[in-house]
Amino acid sequence: MPHPFNAVAVFCGSRFGTDPRHREAAVALGRALAGAGIRLVYGGGRVGLMGVIADATLAAGGAVTGVIPSFLAKREVEHQGVTELIETASMHARKTIMTERSDAFVMLPGGLGTFDETIEIITWRQLGLHDKPIILCDVAGSARPLIAALEAAVDMGFAGAETRRLYAVAEGAEGVLPLLATLQPGGRAAADLT
């Protein structure tokens, strides 16, 4: 049975992180996406976890679209080996193209840029600008601080309880595709469609 997702955007670090499990998760997710015939859409760099997931996807025979702003092309050392490389004029254009080209979003470990992309895509879903699944991939506790911040916003009354339905949490890279398989590109659980 073919997977209902053609392309998944992955937000992740331009550094490797201090825990080797971060790199291992990027490799595992890249291989899994390729194995499922799902195109990787990512930030276009060849450094850090960004480069790791792109290389792993390509090595497993998958397709990769990199989207990188011109001013970051040299700073993040754009990946010249991807299937498709798109240079944009701004960070905003990068996010827009990644959103348009993807059927779902996954957050791997990363820093401020990864948090920025993830929070923005959750916000866009809340505002009705898209209704695509968002998965926070918790690798060795990497997603817990962000989840705690989202929960605190709900607890303090700055976000409604429905905020919890805007994203799902996968335990490790191995949990991403099984969780994604329970969702539809429109964001609803498969069970909700029957």
Protein backbone atom coordinates (compact mmCIF):
# COMPACT_ATOMS: atom_id res chain seq x y z
CA MET A 1 0.00 0.00 0.00
CA PRO A 2 1.56 3.32 -1.03
CA HIS A 3 2.28 5.87 1.65
CA PRO A 4 -0.14 8.86 1.45
CA PHE A 5 2.71 11.35 1.85
CA ASN A 6 4.85 12.36 -1.12
CA ALA A 7 7.15 14.80 0.68
CA VAL A 8 8.01 15.56 4.30
CA ALA A 9 9.83 18.65 5.54
CA VAL A 10 12.35 18.00 8.29
CA PHE A 11 13.57 20.81 10.53
CA CYS A 12 16.90 20.02 12.22
CA GLY A 13 20.19 21.47 13.37
CA SER A 14 23.05 22.82 11.31
CA ARG A 15 25.23 21.35 14.08
CA PHE A 16 25.57 17.75 15.21
CA GLY A 17 24.68 18.21 18.88
CA THR A 18 26.53 16.60 21.76
CA ASP A 19 24.74 13.25 21.82
CA PRO A 20 25.61 10.70 19.08
CA ARG A 21 21.96 9.61 19.14
CA HIS A 22 21.06 12.89 17.39
CA ARG A 23 23.15 11.93 14.34
CA GLU A 24 21.88 8.34 14.48
CA ALA A 25 18.28 9.61 14.42
CA ALA A 26 18.95 11.79 11.37
CA VAL A 27 20.46 8.82 9.53
CA ALA A 28 17.57 6.54 10.53
CA LEU A 29 14.91 9.03 9.47
CA GLY A 30 16.63 9.74 6.15
CA ARG A 31 16.79 6.02 5.36
CA ALA A 32 13.17 5.52 6.44
CA LEU A 33 11.92 8.35 4.22
CA ALA A 34 13.83 6.98 1.24
CA GLY A 35 12.59 3.46 1.93
CA ALA A 36 8.99 4.69 1.98
CA GLY A 37 9.44 6.67 -1.25
CA ILE A 38 8.92 9.98 0.55
CA ARG A 39 10.89 12.99 -0.66
CA LEU A 40 12.87 14.85 2.00
CA VAL A 41 12.41 18.63 2.00
CA TYR A 42 14.90 20.38 4.25
CA GLY A 43 16.97 23.52 4.73
CA GLY A 44 19.55 22.83 2.00
CA GLY A 45 22.75 22.72 4.08
CA ARG A 46 25.42 20.03 4.02
CA VAL A 47 26.57 20.60 7.61
CA GLY A 48 25.29 19.26 10.92
CA LEU A 49 22.17 17.11 11.12
CA MET A 50 20.92 18.82 7.96
CA GLY A 51 23.77 17.29 5.96
CA VAL A 52 23.43 13.95 7.74
CA ILE A 53 19.75 13.48 6.89
CA ALA A 54 20.24 14.63 3.29
CA ASP A 55 23.19 12.27 2.78
CA ALA A 56 21.36 9.35 4.41
CA THR A 57 18.28 9.89 2.25
CA LEU A 58 20.34 10.12 -0.94
CA ALA A 59 22.49 7.09 -0.02
CA ALA A 60 19.31 5.05 0.43
CA GLY A 61 18.07 6.05 -3.03
CA GLY A 62 15.68 8.79 -1.93
CA ALA A 63 14.95 12.20 -3.40
CA VAL A 64 15.94 15.39 -1.58
CA THR A 65 14.85 19.00 -2.07
CA GLY A 66 17.00 21.57 -0.29
CA VAL A 67 15.71 25.10 0.23
CA ILE A 68 18.27 27.68 1.35
CA PRO A 69 18.35 31.49 1.42
CA SER A 70 21.14 33.03 -0.64
CA PHE A 71 22.72 34.70 2.39
CA LEU A 72 22.98 31.32 4.14
CA ALA A 73 24.16 29.38 1.10
CA LYS A 74 27.83 29.84 1.97
CA ARG A 75 27.38 30.07 5.76
CA GLU A 76 25.53 26.75 5.95
CA VAL A 77 27.54 25.44 3.01
CA GLU A 78 24.75 24.52 0.64
CA HIS A 79 24.50 20.87 -0.35
CA GLN A 80 25.35 20.59 -4.05
CA GLY A 81 24.53 16.87 -4.20
CA VAL A 82 20.78 17.02 -3.54
CA THR A 83 18.18 16.13 -6.13
CA GLU A 84 16.88 19.70 -6.23
CA LEU A 85 18.36 22.84 -4.65
CA ILE A 86 16.28 26.00 -4.42
CA GLU A 87 17.85 29.31 -3.41
CA THR A 88 15.54 31.92 -1.95
CA ALA A 89 15.83 35.62 -1.23
CA SER A 90 14.85 35.33 2.44
CA MET A 91 14.12 33.05 5.38
CA HIS A 92 10.40 33.75 4.92
CA ALA A 93 10.54 32.59 1.31
CA ARG A 94 12.40 29.46 2.43
CA LYS A 95 9.68 28.57 4.93
CA THR A 96 6.92 29.26 2.41
CA ILE A 97 8.48 26.99 -0.22
CA MET A 98 9.14 24.24 2.31
CA THR A 99 5.52 24.44 3.41
CA GLU A 100 4.19 24.38 -0.15
CA ARG A 101 6.40 21.43 -1.13
CA SER A 102 5.59 19.25 1.90
CA ASP A 103 2.68 17.11 3.05
CA ALA A 104 3.87 16.93 6.68
CA PHE A 105 6.57 18.30 9.00
CA VAL A 106 9.01 16.63 11.39
CA MET A 107 11.24 18.31 13.96
CA LEU A 108 14.52 16.58 14.78
CA PRO A 109 16.97 17.98 17.36
CA GLY A 110 18.28 21.44 16.58
CA GLY A 111 18.83 24.95 17.84
CA LEU A 112 17.14 28.31 17.47
CA GLY A 113 16.44 27.96 13.75
CA THR A 114 14.80 24.59 14.29
CA PHE A 115 12.66 26.00 17.11
CA ASP A 116 11.73 28.99 14.95
CA GLU A 117 10.63 26.82 12.03
CA THR A 118 8.70 24.43 14.27
CA ILE A 119 6.86 27.09 16.25
CA GLU A 120 6.00 28.97 13.06
CA ILE A 121 4.61 25.90 11.31
CA ILE A 122 2.54 25.05 14.42
CA THR A 123 1.27 28.64 14.49
CA TRP A 124 0.40 28.54 10.79
CA ARG A 125 -1.64 25.40 11.43
CA GLN A 126 -3.41 27.06 14.36
CA LEU A 127 -4.27 30.00 12.08
CA GLY A 128 -5.64 27.69 9.39
CA LEU A 129 -2.91 28.44 6.84
CA HIS A 130 -2.35 24.69 6.45
CA ASP A 131 -3.71 21.48 7.97
CA LYS A 132 -0.71 19.20 7.58
CA PRO A 133 0.59 16.87 10.30
CA ILE A 134 3.45 18.09 12.51
CA ILE A 135 5.55 15.57 14.41
CA LEU A 136 8.02 16.47 17.13
CA CYS A 137 10.61 13.68 17.13
CA ASP A 138 11.91 13.27 20.67
CA VAL A 139 15.46 11.94 20.47
CA ALA A 140 16.92 11.33 23.93
CA GLY A 141 14.72 14.05 25.42
CA SER A 142 15.48 16.68 22.74
CA ALA A 143 11.83 17.69 22.22
CA ARG A 144 10.85 17.80 25.89
CA PRO A 145 11.81 21.45 26.55
CA LEU A 146 9.73 22.63 23.57
CA ILE A 147 6.80 20.45 24.61
CA ALA A 148 7.09 21.86 28.14
CA ALA A 149 6.98 25.42 26.76
CA LEU A 150 3.88 24.61 24.70
CA GLU A 151 2.23 23.00 27.74
CA ALA A 152 3.12 26.04 29.88
CA ALA A 153 1.42 28.34 27.36
CA VAL A 154 -1.74 26.23 27.71
CA ASP A 155 -1.49 26.04 31.50
CA MET A 156 -1.07 29.83 31.80
CA GLY A 157 -4.01 30.54 29.51
CA PHE A 158 -2.01 31.92 26.58
CA ALA A 159 -3.04 29.02 24.33
CA GLY A 160 -6.13 26.85 24.29
CA ALA A 161 -6.17 23.14 25.11
CA GLU A 162 -6.74 22.50 21.38
CA THR A 163 -3.11 23.51 20.86
CA ARG A 164 -2.18 19.96 21.87
CA ARG A 165 -3.95 18.66 18.75
CA LEU A 166 -1.74 20.74 16.42
CA TYR A 167 1.23 18.39 16.75
CA ALA A 168 2.10 14.83 17.70
CA VAL A 169 5.17 13.42 19.43
CA ALA A 170 7.19 10.46 18.17
CA GLU A 171 9.65 8.67 20.43
CA GLY A 172 12.82 8.49 18.35
CA ALA A 173 13.23 8.41 14.59
CA GLU A 174 11.84 4.88 14.44
CA GLY A 175 8.50 6.21 15.68
CA VAL A 176 8.05 8.87 12.99
CA LEU A 177 6.78 6.87 10.00
CA PRO A 178 4.47 4.59 12.04
CA LEU A 179 2.93 7.72 13.59
CA LEU A 180 2.73 9.44 10.23
CA ALA A 181 0.95 6.38 8.83
CA THR A 182 -1.90 6.98 11.29
CA LEU A 183 -2.44 10.46 9.83
CA GLN A 184 -3.65 11.75 6.50
CA PRO A 185 -2.04 14.58 4.49
CA GLY A 186 -4.88 16.86 5.63
CA GLY A 187 -3.80 16.28 9.22
CA ARG A 188 -6.67 14.13 10.46
CA ALA A 189 -6.18 10.71 11.98
CA ALA A 190 -6.93 7.92 9.51
CA ALA A 191 -9.58 6.58 11.90
CA ASP A 192 -11.43 9.89 11.72
CA LEU A 193 -12.00 9.41 7.99
CA THR A 194 -14.01 6.19 8.26
